[in-house]
Amino acid sequence: MRNLFSKMIRDDEGATMVEYGVIVALIAAVCIAVVALIGTNINNAFNSVNSKL
């Protein structure tokens, strides 16, 4: 029992998966923010061109 408990304390495989999950979530948030910002600018450009036509 003691040996099993010490193995569980030293096991960091779950922590690594959580770190990867946090990194993926941050990358996704940045991508969404960039797409939202660029999408607004592109939409404004197309509306400007459309109104001039």
C-alpha atoms as a PDB file:
ATOM      1  CA  MET A   1       0.000   0.000   0.000  1.00  0.00           C
ATOM      2  CA  ARG A   2       2.787   2.402   0.890  1.00  0.00           C
ATOM      3  CA  ASN A   3       4.603   1.582  -2.356  1.00  0.00           C
ATOM      4  CA  LEU A   4       1.454   2.284  -4.392  1.00  0.00           C
ATOM      5  CA  PHE A   5       0.956   5.620  -2.658  1.00  0.00           C
ATOM      6  CA  SER A   6       4.557   6.677  -3.359  1.00  0.00           C
ATOM      7  CA  LYS A   7       4.139   5.731  -7.027  1.00  0.00           C
ATOM      8  CA  MET A   8       0.994   7.862  -7.251  1.00  0.00           C
ATOM      9  CA  ILE A   9       2.823  10.869  -5.811  1.00  0.00           C
ATOM     10  CA  ARG A  10       5.695  10.529  -8.281  1.00  0.00           C
ATOM     11  CA  ASP A  11       3.402   9.995 -11.283  1.00  0.00           C
ATOM     12  CA  ASP A  12       3.238  13.261 -13.232  1.00  0.00           C
ATOM     13  CA  GLU A  13       1.556  11.941 -16.367  1.00  0.00           C
ATOM     14  CA  GLY A  14      -1.793  13.518 -15.466  1.00  0.00           C
ATOM     15  CA  ALA A  15      -0.157  16.884 -14.792  1.00  0.00           C
ATOM     16  CA  THR A  16       1.440  16.808 -18.229  1.00  0.00           C
ATOM     17  CA  MET A  17      -1.950  16.217 -19.861  1.00  0.00           C
ATOM     18  CA  VAL A  18      -3.430  19.138 -17.936  1.00  0.00           C
ATOM     19  CA  GLU A  19      -0.564  21.374 -19.080  1.00  0.00           C
ATOM     20  CA  TYR A  20      -1.142  20.349 -22.695  1.00  0.00           C
ATOM     21  CA  GLY A  21      -4.840  21.065 -22.284  1.00  0.00           C
ATOM     22  CA  VAL A  22      -4.114  24.549 -20.936  1.00  0.00           C
ATOM     23  CA  ILE A  23      -1.729  25.270 -23.815  1.00  0.00           C
ATOM     24  CA  VAL A  24      -4.306  24.121 -26.381  1.00  0.00           C
ATOM     25  CA  ALA A  25      -6.989  26.260 -24.730  1.00  0.00           C
ATOM     26  CA  LEU A  26      -4.745  29.346 -24.802  1.00  0.00           C
ATOM     27  CA  ILE A  27      -3.843  28.797 -28.454  1.00  0.00           C
ATOM     28  CA  ALA A  28      -7.535  28.383 -29.315  1.00  0.00           C
ATOM     29  CA  ALA A  29      -8.425  31.599 -27.459  1.00  0.00           C
ATOM     30  CA  VAL A  30      -5.736  33.547 -29.314  1.00  0.00           C
ATOM     31  CA  CYS A  31      -6.887  32.127 -32.668  1.00  0.00           C
ATOM     32  CA  ILE A  32     -10.493  33.080 -31.949  1.00  0.00           C
ATOM     33  CA  ALA A  33      -9.478  36.608 -30.946  1.00  0.00           C
ATOM     34  CA  VAL A  34      -7.350  37.071 -34.082  1.00  0.00           C
ATOM     35  CA  VAL A  35     -10.076  35.752 -36.376  1.00  0.00           C
ATOM     36  CA  ALA A  36     -12.659  37.996 -34.727  1.00  0.00           C
ATOM     37  CA  LEU A  37     -10.420  41.057 -35.112  1.00  0.00           C
ATOM     38  CA  ILE A  38      -9.441  40.320 -38.705  1.00  0.00           C
ATOM     39  CA  GLY A  39     -13.019  39.362 -39.590  1.00  0.00           C
ATOM     40  CA  THR A  40     -14.294  42.736 -38.428  1.00  0.00           C
ATOM     41  CA  ASN A  41     -11.650  44.592 -40.434  1.00  0.00           C
ATOM     42  CA  ILE A  42     -12.319  42.554 -43.578  1.00  0.00           C
ATOM     43  CA  ASN A  43     -16.062  43.063 -43.187  1.00  0.00           C
ATOM     44  CA  ASN A  44     -15.542  46.824 -42.932  1.00  0.00           C
ATOM     45  CA  ALA A  45     -13.333  46.805 -46.034  1.00  0.00           C
ATOM     46  CA  PHE A  46     -15.928  44.895 -48.075  1.00  0.00           C
ATOM     47  CA  ASN A  47     -18.695  47.207 -46.888  1.00  0.00           C
ATOM     48  CA  SER A  48     -16.616  50.213 -47.930  1.00  0.00           C
ATOM     49  CA  VAL A  49     -15.993  48.776 -51.390  1.00  0.00           C
ATOM     50  CA  ASN A  50     -19.659  47.818 -51.718  1.00  0.00           C
ATOM     51  CA  SER A  51     -20.859  51.312 -50.844  1.00  0.00           C
ATOM     52  CA  LYS A  52     -18.467  52.897 -53.363  1.00  0.00           C
ATOM     53  CA  LEU A  53     -19.724  50.654 -56.138  1.00  0.00           C
END
